[in-house]
C-alpha atoms as a PDB file:
ATOM      1  CA  MET A   1     -17.887  -3.402   6.529  1.00  0.00           C
ATOM      2  CA  ARG A   2     -19.320  -0.557   8.987  1.00  0.00           C
ATOM      3  CA  THR A   3     -17.257   0.639  11.691  1.00  0.00           C
ATOM      4  CA  LEU A   4     -19.794   1.653  14.933  1.00  0.00           C
ATOM      5  CA  ASN A   5     -17.611   3.378  17.682  1.00  0.00           C
ATOM      6  CA  ILE A   6     -19.435   2.949  21.465  1.00  0.00           C
ATOM      7  CA  SER A   7     -17.967   4.326  24.276  1.00  0.00           C
ATOM      8  CA  ILE A   8     -17.920   2.590  28.243  1.00  0.00           C
ATOM      9  CA  SER A   9     -16.456   3.558  31.445  1.00  0.00           C
ATOM     10  CA  GLU A  10     -12.961   1.786  32.256  1.00  0.00           C
ATOM     11  CA  LEU A  11     -14.727  -0.012  35.228  1.00  0.00           C
ATOM     12  CA  GLU A  12     -17.395  -1.579  32.269  1.00  0.00           C
ATOM     13  CA  PHE A  13     -14.095  -2.284  30.549  1.00  0.00           C
ATOM     14  CA  ASN A  14     -12.341  -4.345  33.096  1.00  0.00           C
ATOM     15  CA  LYS A  15     -15.819  -5.779  34.298  1.00  0.00           C
ATOM     16  CA  PHE A  16     -16.227  -7.578  30.803  1.00  0.00           C
ATOM     17  CA  GLY A  17     -12.971  -8.525  30.919  1.00  0.00           C
ATOM     18  CA  LEU A  18     -12.113  -6.575  27.923  1.00  0.00           C
ATOM     19  CA  THR A  19      -8.300  -6.511  26.797  1.00  0.00           C
ATOM     20  CA  ASP A  20      -8.776  -4.900  23.346  1.00  0.00           C
ATOM     21  CA  ASP A  21     -10.260  -1.688  22.086  1.00  0.00           C
ATOM     22  CA  THR A  22     -11.790  -3.668  18.906  1.00  0.00           C
ATOM     23  CA  LEU A  23     -14.555  -6.302  18.696  1.00  0.00           C
ATOM     24  CA  SER A  24     -16.090  -8.022  16.447  1.00  0.00           C
ATOM     25  CA  PHE A  25     -20.418  -7.614  16.364  1.00  0.00           C
ATOM     26  CA  SER A  26     -20.385 -11.238  17.266  1.00  0.00           C
ATOM     27  CA  GLU A  27     -17.843 -10.948  20.015  1.00  0.00           C
ATOM     28  CA  LEU A  28     -19.290  -7.831  21.543  1.00  0.00           C
ATOM     29  CA  LEU A  29     -22.681 -10.180  21.627  1.00  0.00           C
ATOM     30  CA  GLU A  30     -20.854 -13.076  23.223  1.00  0.00           C
ATOM     31  CA  ILE A  31     -20.107 -10.810  25.933  1.00  0.00           C
ATOM     32  CA  ILE A  32     -22.991  -9.186  26.603  1.00  0.00           C
ATOM     33  CA  ASN A  33     -25.158 -12.402  26.399  1.00  0.00           C
ATOM     34  CA  LYS A  34     -22.735 -14.051  29.143  1.00  0.00           C
ATOM     35  CA  GLU A  35     -23.495 -10.875  31.401  1.00  0.00           C
ATOM     36  CA  LEU A  36     -27.069 -11.433  30.674  1.00  0.00           C
ATOM     37  CA  ILE A  37     -26.796 -15.140  31.343  1.00  0.00           C
ATOM     38  CA  LYS A  38     -25.455 -14.193  34.689  1.00  0.00           C
ATOM     39  CA  GLN A  39     -27.652 -11.777  35.708  1.00  0.00           C
ATOM     40  CA  ASN A  40     -30.804 -14.278  34.870  1.00  0.00           C
ATOM     41  CA  LEU A  41     -29.224 -16.913  36.870  1.00  0.00           C
ATOM     42  CA  ARG A  42     -28.609 -14.888  39.906  1.00  0.00           C
ATOM     43  CA  LYS A  43     -32.012 -13.678  39.877  1.00  0.00           C
ATOM     44  CA  SER A  44     -33.267 -17.460  39.589  1.00  0.00           C
ATOM     45  CA  VAL A  45     -31.095 -18.337  42.790  1.00  0.00           C
ATOM     46  CA  TYR A  46     -32.430 -15.367  44.619  1.00  0.00           C
ATOM     47  CA  PHE A  47     -36.157 -16.338  43.588  1.00  0.00           C
ATOM     48  CA  ALA A  48     -35.776 -19.895  44.270  1.00  0.00           C
ATOM     49  CA  GLU A  49     -34.220 -19.135  47.984  1.00  0.00           C
ATOM     50  CA  LYS A  50     -36.901 -16.600  48.614  1.00  0.00           C
ATOM     51  CA  TYR A  51     -39.781 -19.312  47.731  1.00  0.00           C
ATOM     52  CA  LYS A  52     -38.290 -21.903  49.520  1.00  0.00           C
ATOM     53  CA  LEU A  53     -37.720 -23.364  45.852  1.00  0.00           C
ATOM     54  CA  SER A  54     -34.164 -24.312  46.939  1.00  0.00           C
ATOM     55  CA  LYS A  55     -35.332 -26.723  49.670  1.00  0.00           C
ATOM     56  CA  MET A  56     -37.906 -28.677  47.095  1.00  0.00           C
ATOM     57  CA  THR A  57     -36.856 -32.637  46.713  1.00  0.00           C
ATOM     58  CA  MET A  58     -36.718 -34.188  43.322  1.00  0.00           C
ATOM     59  CA  SER A  59     -40.049 -35.923  43.937  1.00  0.00           C
ATOM     60  CA  GLU A  60     -41.599 -32.334  44.983  1.00  0.00           C
ATOM     61  CA  ILE A  61     -40.470 -31.171  41.973  1.00  0.00           C
ATOM     62  CA  THR A  62     -41.424 -33.778  39.628  1.00  0.00           C
ATOM     63  CA  ASP A  63     -45.020 -33.240  41.605  1.00  0.00           C
ATOM     64  CA  GLU A  64     -45.541 -29.813  41.017  1.00  0.00           C
ATOM     65  CA  VAL A  65     -44.056 -29.958  37.181  1.00  0.00           C
ATOM     66  CA  LYS A  66     -47.277 -33.096  36.949  1.00  0.00           C
ATOM     67  CA  ALA A  67     -49.608 -30.985  38.615  1.00  0.00           C
ATOM     68  CA  VAL A  68     -49.126 -27.825  36.163  1.00  0.00           C
ATOM     69  CA  ARG A  69     -49.070 -30.069  33.262  1.00  0.00           C
ATOM     70  CA  ARG A  70     -52.727 -31.529  34.582  1.00  0.00           C
ATOM     71  CA  ASP A  71     -53.835 -27.935  35.074  1.00  0.00           C
ATOM     72  CA  ALA A  72     -52.850 -26.920  31.567  1.00  0.00           C
ATOM     73  CA  LYS A  73     -54.581 -30.199  29.506  1.00  0.00           C
ATOM     74  CA  GLY A  74     -57.645 -29.259  32.080  1.00  0.00           C
ATOM     75  CA  ASN A  75     -57.919 -25.373  30.651  1.00  0.00           C
ATOM     76  CA  SER A  76     -57.183 -26.232  27.265  1.00  0.00           C
END
């Protein structure tokens, strides 16, 4: 097995909730993936609020999905 050393700031160490100086690669990937998911969720909420999508009813969402599918079939 190979060892890779990565330097991060104390702030990042604490931000990611790290408690040990040694991680497996899969543990590091899991931590990074969780952070990326959080960032993407924040962006999604931001855009939903910005474009008033967060105020849509389920019926309006369903109608939008149907329209997009209908248009996609017509363009293929």
